[in-house]
């Protein structure tokens, strides 16, 4: 009754500010929901893998790879007497990274070689052997050694190119489970897996030998081989996706791409073995003859754009035996 009939300016501004804030919060929520879409998750995991590969492994075509003699030197170092060992104590945790510089300095000060017995990504349990020290003029301090070996409850991307592959494969095989039955997502995961393997195929993977500034070998740690990476990347997807024409065609395309890309003879031989194994998987699958013929064709999209069609008669003969 005795009011002026006008809305106070402060109330009006407050309502406008709250509306704008609500719109911003809603936009942020939509963005976060978009971030957890499977395509974005696959890209994020793949990007993490590309970064760790770039940081860890020297390119084969730049001539800055480790000397081949280091492998022989590493074997010779293991023959030197073991002067010290270090074991893990605590609850199960993942080995996430080595402080390589700190380990090299400690080995150099004692004129020793540290040989790691665990790899990044391993789960450490009580009394797990962490390392052996070979040779040396004196014992290394245990506390700095332990501080140079980082552990956590979960694996991380740092120094572990296997981890992004593991996550991508897990996404693919979950998508192939009967409960989900989403081979298209598996194909999208293979897109990222192929890219990581193409990059690994151009790198020197035997990067587990580190020397000091004088060129003396001081640290040896386990690194996966090319076959280890292919096993991790393809074996489970091939097994769980054996009855999916789409997945088999995309796997074939990835393997053929790797065969064309890698330059190392040993790498090519491993890829050819995997192609042969893929053929056997298709031939022994529950697919009928016509589907097997289709599954033996290359298609980067899985289903949608067949390639190398002129090889179809030979593939049909391989399946039918005629």
Protein backbone atom coordinates (compact mmCIF):
# COMPACT_ATOMS: atom_id res chain seq x y z
CA UNK A 1 0.00 0.00 0.00
CA UNK A 2 2.35 2.95 0.58
CA UNK A 3 5.00 1.80 -1.93
CA UNK A 4 6.31 3.80 -4.85
CA UNK A 5 5.54 1.05 -7.39
CA UNK A 6 9.16 1.00 -8.61
CA UNK A 7 11.61 -1.92 -8.37
CA UNK A 8 14.84 -0.90 -6.60
CA UNK A 9 17.83 -0.68 -8.93
CA UNK A 10 19.89 -3.00 -6.70
CA UNK A 11 17.31 -5.80 -6.97
CA UNK A 12 17.17 -5.44 -10.74
CA UNK A 13 20.96 -5.62 -11.06
CA UNK A 14 21.09 -8.58 -8.69
CA UNK A 15 18.56 -10.52 -10.80
CA UNK A 16 20.49 -9.72 -14.00
CA UNK A 17 23.79 -10.87 -12.43
CA UNK A 18 22.22 -14.11 -11.16
CA UNK A 19 20.72 -14.85 -14.58
CA UNK A 20 24.10 -14.31 -16.26
CA UNK A 21 25.84 -16.51 -13.69
CA UNK A 22 23.24 -19.23 -14.20
CA UNK A 23 23.83 -19.12 -17.95
CA UNK A 24 27.60 -19.34 -17.47
CA UNK A 25 27.27 -22.28 -15.09
CA UNK A 26 24.93 -24.06 -17.50
CA UNK A 27 27.33 -23.48 -20.41
CA UNK A 28 30.19 -24.85 -18.31
CA UNK A 29 28.11 -27.91 -17.42
CA UNK A 30 27.36 -28.57 -21.09
CA UNK A 31 31.07 -28.24 -21.87
CA UNK A 32 32.01 -30.71 -19.14
CA UNK A 33 29.42 -33.18 -20.38
CA UNK A 34 30.89 -32.81 -23.86
CA UNK A 35 34.38 -33.46 -22.47
CA UNK A 36 33.38 -36.90 -21.18
CA UNK A 37 32.05 -38.07 -24.54
CA UNK A 38 33.94 -41.14 -25.63
CA UNK A 39 35.49 -39.42 -28.67
CA UNK A 40 37.03 -36.72 -26.48
CA UNK A 41 38.22 -39.27 -23.93
CA UNK A 42 39.91 -41.31 -26.67
CA UNK A 43 41.59 -38.20 -28.05
CA UNK A 44 42.79 -37.16 -24.59
CA UNK A 45 44.32 -40.58 -23.89
CA UNK A 46 45.92 -40.66 -27.33
CA UNK A 47 47.39 -37.19 -26.83
CA UNK A 48 48.93 -38.23 -23.53
CA UNK A 49 50.48 -41.21 -25.28
CA UNK A 50 51.92 -39.06 -28.05
CA UNK A 51 53.53 -36.73 -25.54
CA UNK A 52 55.21 -39.51 -23.54
CA UNK A 53 56.48 -41.19 -26.73
CA UNK A 54 57.94 -37.89 -27.91
CA UNK A 55 59.64 -37.34 -24.55
CA UNK A 56 61.01 -40.83 -23.99
CA UNK A 57 62.21 -42.27 -27.27
CA UNK A 58 64.69 -40.82 -29.79
CA UNK A 59 63.77 -40.97 -33.47
CA UNK A 60 65.45 -43.62 -35.58
CA UNK A 61 66.04 -41.21 -38.47
CA UNK A 62 67.97 -38.62 -36.46
CA UNK A 63 70.97 -40.69 -35.55
CA UNK A 64 70.68 -39.81 -31.85
CA UNK A 65 69.84 -43.31 -30.69
CA UNK A 66 71.77 -45.10 -27.98
CA UNK A 67 74.95 -46.85 -29.08
CA UNK A 68 74.37 -50.51 -29.95
CA UNK A 69 77.32 -51.39 -27.75
CA UNK A 70 75.34 -50.28 -24.70
CA UNK A 71 73.32 -53.47 -24.79
CA UNK A 72 76.54 -55.47 -24.64
CA UNK A 73 77.81 -53.17 -21.91
CA UNK A 74 74.58 -53.67 -19.96
CA UNK A 75 75.02 -57.44 -20.12
CA UNK A 76 78.61 -57.05 -18.97
CA UNK A 77 77.46 -54.84 -16.09
CA UNK A 78 75.13 -57.59 -14.89
CA UNK A 79 78.10 -59.93 -14.69
CA UNK A 80 79.85 -57.66 -12.21
CA UNK A 81 79.36 -58.64 -8.57
CA UNK A 82 76.17 -57.44 -6.90
CA UNK A 83 77.20 -55.14 -4.08
CA UNK A 84 73.76 -53.95 -2.99
CA UNK A 85 70.05 -54.66 -3.41
CA UNK A 86 66.97 -52.63 -2.60
CA UNK A 87 63.50 -54.03 -1.91
CA UNK A 88 60.12 -52.37 -1.65
CA UNK A 89 58.27 -52.16 1.63
CA UNK A 90 54.69 -50.98 1.94
CA UNK A 91 51.21 -51.47 0.59
CA UNK A 92 50.76 -52.39 -3.10
CA UNK A 93 51.45 -49.39 -5.33
CA UNK A 94 52.30 -48.71 -8.96
CA UNK A 95 55.78 -47.66 -10.00
CA UNK A 96 55.12 -44.41 -11.83
CA UNK A 97 58.54 -43.02 -12.74
CA UNK A 98 62.30 -43.05 -12.20
CA UNK A 99 64.25 -39.91 -11.42
CA UNK A 100 66.84 -40.88 -13.97
CA UNK A 101 69.23 -38.01 -13.31
CA UNK A 102 69.34 -38.71 -9.58
CA UNK A 103 69.97 -42.43 -10.09
CA UNK A 104 72.75 -41.75 -12.62
CA UNK A 105 74.47 -39.31 -10.26
CA UNK A 106 74.38 -41.77 -7.39
CA UNK A 107 75.80 -44.54 -9.56
CA UNK A 108 78.51 -42.23 -10.88
CA UNK A 109 79.61 -41.18 -7.40
CA UNK A 110 80.14 -44.83 -6.43
CA UNK A 111 81.48 -45.87 -9.87
CA UNK A 112 78.68 -48.45 -10.07
CA UNK A 113 75.86 -49.51 -12.38
CA UNK A 114 72.27 -49.56 -11.14
CA UNK A 115 70.10 -52.23 -12.76
CA UNK A 116 66.39 -51.75 -12.15
CA UNK A 117 64.48 -55.00 -11.74
CA UNK A 118 61.05 -53.37 -11.99
CA UNK A 119 59.57 -51.44 -14.89
CA UNK A 120 57.42 -48.34 -14.87
CA UNK A 121 53.83 -49.54 -14.56
CA UNK A 122 54.63 -52.55 -12.38
CA UNK A 123 52.64 -53.04 -9.19
CA UNK A 124 55.01 -53.29 -6.24
CA UNK A 125 54.13 -55.52 -3.32
CA UNK A 126 55.90 -56.20 -0.04
CA UNK A 127 59.51 -57.31 -0.52
CA UNK A 128 59.54 -56.78 -4.30
CA UNK A 129 63.11 -56.46 -5.57
CA UNK A 130 63.52 -52.93 -6.91
CA UNK A 131 67.12 -52.80 -8.07
CA UNK A 132 70.57 -54.28 -7.91
CA UNK A 133 73.80 -52.30 -7.72
CA UNK A 134 76.68 -53.89 -9.63
CA UNK A 135 80.25 -52.97 -8.72
CA UNK A 136 81.09 -49.72 -7.03
CA UNK A 137 83.65 -48.38 -4.60
CA UNK A 138 81.12 -47.86 -1.81
CA UNK A 139 77.51 -48.57 -0.90
CA UNK A 140 74.86 -46.13 -2.12
CA UNK A 141 72.70 -44.36 0.44
CA UNK A 142 69.37 -46.14 0.62
CA UNK A 143 67.15 -43.13 1.28
CA UNK A 144 68.09 -41.19 -1.90
CA UNK A 145 67.66 -44.39 -3.90
CA UNK A 146 64.13 -44.85 -2.60
CA UNK A 147 63.32 -41.18 -3.20
CA UNK A 148 64.37 -41.55 -6.84
CA UNK A 149 61.75 -44.28 -7.39
CA UNK A 150 58.29 -42.73 -7.44
CA UNK A 151 55.19 -44.79 -6.63
CA UNK A 152 51.47 -44.04 -6.49
CA UNK A 153 48.20 -45.86 -6.02
CA UNK A 154 47.52 -45.77 -9.75
CA UNK A 155 49.61 -45.76 -12.90
CA UNK A 156 50.27 -42.44 -14.59
CA UNK A 157 51.12 -41.43 -18.15
CA UNK A 158 54.57 -40.13 -17.19
CA UNK A 159 57.37 -42.41 -18.50
CA UNK A 160 54.79 -45.11 -19.30
CA UNK A 161 53.76 -45.32 -22.98
CA UNK A 162 52.07 -48.65 -22.24
CA UNK A 163 49.48 -46.98 -20.02
CA UNK A 164 47.62 -45.02 -22.75
CA UNK A 165 47.59 -48.16 -24.89
CA UNK A 166 46.21 -50.11 -21.93
CA UNK A 167 43.41 -47.57 -21.43
CA UNK A 168 42.52 -47.51 -25.14
CA UNK A 169 42.41 -51.30 -25.29
CA UNK A 170 40.24 -51.41 -22.17
CA UNK A 171 37.77 -49.00 -23.80
CA UNK A 172 37.73 -51.13 -26.95
CA UNK A 173 37.14 -54.48 -25.25
CA UNK A 174 34.46 -53.01 -23.00
CA UNK A 175 32.72 -51.72 -26.11
CA UNK A 176 32.93 -55.25 -27.58
CA UNK A 177 31.40 -56.90 -24.53
CA UNK A 178 27.93 -58.48 -25.07
CA UNK A 179 26.45 -56.04 -22.55
CA UNK A 180 27.46 -53.00 -24.64
CA UNK A 181 28.02 -54.38 -28.17
CA UNK A 182 29.44 -51.15 -29.65
CA UNK A 183 32.07 -52.08 -32.28
CA UNK A 184 32.14 -48.50 -33.62
CA UNK A 185 33.67 -47.28 -30.35
CA UNK A 186 36.21 -50.11 -30.60
CA UNK A 187 37.12 -48.91 -34.10
CA UNK A 188 37.56 -45.35 -32.79
CA UNK A 189 39.91 -46.70 -30.11
CA UNK A 190 41.90 -48.55 -32.79
CA UNK A 191 42.32 -45.22 -34.63
CA UNK A 192 44.24 -43.86 -31.63
CA UNK A 193 46.09 -47.14 -31.05
CA UNK A 194 47.33 -47.22 -34.65
CA UNK A 195 48.60 -43.65 -34.39
CA UNK A 196 50.57 -44.45 -31.22
CA UNK A 197 52.07 -47.57 -32.79
CA UNK A 198 53.05 -45.68 -35.94
CA UNK A 199 54.96 -43.24 -33.77
CA UNK A 200 56.56 -46.01 -31.71
CA UNK A 201 57.60 -47.75 -34.93
CA UNK A 202 59.76 -44.73 -35.84
CA UNK A 203 61.49 -44.63 -32.47
CA UNK A 204 64.39 -46.45 -30.84
CA UNK A 205 62.60 -48.48 -28.19
CA UNK A 206 65.71 -49.86 -26.48
CA UNK A 207 66.09 -46.64 -24.47
CA UNK A 208 66.68 -48.36 -21.16
CA UNK A 209 70.41 -47.63 -20.94
CA UNK A 210 71.57 -44.29 -19.55
CA UNK A 211 75.18 -43.07 -19.36
CA UNK A 212 76.79 -40.24 -17.42
CA UNK A 213 78.36 -37.21 -19.09
CA UNK A 214 81.59 -39.17 -19.64
CA UNK A 215 79.78 -41.87 -21.59
CA UNK A 216 79.98 -44.57 -18.90
CA UNK A 217 76.86 -46.68 -18.47
CA UNK A 218 75.26 -45.99 -15.08
CA UNK A 219 71.60 -47.04 -15.25
CA UNK A 220 69.73 -49.91 -16.88
CA UNK A 221 65.95 -50.27 -16.68
CA UNK A 222 63.45 -52.52 -18.49
CA UNK A 223 61.64 -51.21 -21.56
CA UNK A 224 59.02 -52.99 -23.69
CA UNK A 225 59.94 -54.42 -27.07
CA UNK A 226 58.06 -53.73 -30.30
CA UNK A 227 56.34 -57.10 -29.96
CA UNK A 228 55.29 -56.21 -26.41
CA UNK A 229 53.53 -53.12 -27.73
CA UNK A 230 51.77 -55.03 -30.50
CA UNK A 231 50.71 -57.73 -28.05
CA UNK A 232 49.24 -55.12 -25.72
CA UNK A 233 47.58 -53.20 -28.53
CA UNK A 234 46.01 -55.98 -30.57
CA UNK A 235 45.74 -59.36 -28.84
CA UNK A 236 42.72 -58.71 -26.63
CA UNK A 237 40.87 -56.69 -29.27
CA UNK A 238 41.46 -59.48 -31.78
CA UNK A 239 40.16 -62.09 -29.32
CA UNK A 240 37.06 -60.17 -28.21
CA UNK A 241 36.32 -58.80 -31.66
CA UNK A 242 36.77 -62.03 -33.63
CA UNK A 243 33.07 -62.16 -34.53
CA UNK A 244 32.89 -58.49 -35.61
CA UNK A 245 33.50 -57.88 -39.31
CA UNK A 246 33.94 -54.18 -38.57
CA UNK A 247 36.69 -54.71 -35.99
CA UNK A 248 38.55 -57.31 -38.06
CA UNK A 249 38.64 -55.00 -41.09
CA UNK A 250 39.90 -52.08 -38.99
CA UNK A 251 42.59 -54.24 -37.36
CA UNK A 252 43.76 -55.37 -40.79
CA UNK A 253 43.97 -51.77 -41.97
CA UNK A 254 46.01 -50.83 -38.90
CA UNK A 255 48.44 -53.71 -39.37
CA UNK A 256 48.88 -53.05 -43.08
CA UNK A 257 49.53 -49.40 -42.29
CA UNK A 258 52.20 -50.40 -39.78
CA UNK A 259 53.77 -52.81 -42.27
CA UNK A 260 54.07 -49.98 -44.81
CA UNK A 261 55.33 -47.45 -42.26
CA UNK A 262 57.99 -49.17 -40.16
CA UNK A 263 61.49 -49.37 -41.59
CA UNK A 264 63.17 -51.79 -39.18
CA UNK A 265 63.23 -55.33 -40.58
CA UNK A 266 62.51 -56.86 -37.18
CA UNK A 267 59.49 -54.61 -36.74
CA UNK A 268 58.11 -55.61 -40.15
CA UNK A 269 58.51 -59.31 -39.37
CA UNK A 270 56.51 -58.97 -36.16
CA UNK A 271 53.73 -57.08 -37.98
CA UNK A 272 53.58 -59.79 -40.66
CA UNK A 273 53.21 -62.45 -37.96
CA UNK A 274 50.31 -60.51 -36.50
CA UNK A 275 48.66 -60.25 -39.92
CA UNK A 276 48.96 -64.01 -40.30
CA UNK A 277 47.47 -64.51 -36.84
CA UNK A 278 44.60 -62.17 -37.75
CA UNK A 279 43.88 -64.33 -40.81
CA UNK A 280 43.76 -67.43 -38.65
CA UNK A 281 41.39 -65.72 -36.22
CA UNK A 282 38.97 -64.85 -39.00
CA UNK A 283 39.15 -68.32 -40.56
CA UNK A 284 38.41 -69.99 -37.22
CA UNK A 285 35.68 -67.55 -36.17
CA UNK A 286 31.92 -68.17 -36.11
CA UNK A 287 31.48 -66.00 -39.21
CA UNK A 288 30.15 -67.72 -42.32
CA UNK A 289 32.23 -67.89 -45.50
CA UNK A 290 30.89 -64.67 -47.05
CA UNK A 291 31.39 -62.73 -43.82
CA UNK A 292 34.91 -64.11 -43.52
CA UNK A 293 35.70 -62.83 -47.00
CA UNK A 294 34.43 -59.40 -45.99
CA UNK A 295 36.34 -59.52 -42.70
CA UNK A 296 39.59 -60.20 -44.56
CA UNK A 297 39.34 -56.90 -46.45
CA UNK A 298 41.00 -53.68 -45.33
CA UNK A 299 38.82 -50.77 -44.24
CA UNK A 300 40.02 -47.81 -42.20
CA UNK A 301 36.41 -47.05 -41.28
CA UNK A 302 35.70 -50.62 -40.23
CA UNK A 303 32.63 -50.75 -42.45
CA UNK A 304 32.04 -48.20 -45.16
CA UNK A 305 35.01 -47.99 -47.51
CA UNK A 306 36.62 -51.25 -48.59
CA UNK A 307 40.15 -51.13 -49.96
CA UNK A 308 42.37 -53.56 -51.84
CA UNK A 309 39.32 -55.11 -53.48
CA UNK A 310 41.43 -56.79 -56.15
CA UNK A 311 42.75 -59.15 -53.46
CA UNK A 312 39.23 -60.51 -52.85
CA UNK A 313 39.53 -63.65 -55.05
CA UNK A 314 42.69 -64.71 -53.23
CA UNK A 315 41.09 -64.06 -49.87
CA UNK A 316 37.97 -65.99 -50.89
CA UNK A 317 40.18 -68.92 -51.95
CA UNK A 318 42.01 -68.81 -48.61
CA UNK A 319 38.70 -69.03 -46.77
CA UNK A 320 36.89 -71.57 -48.94
CA UNK A 321 39.91 -73.65 -49.87
CA UNK A 322 39.11 -73.33 -53.56
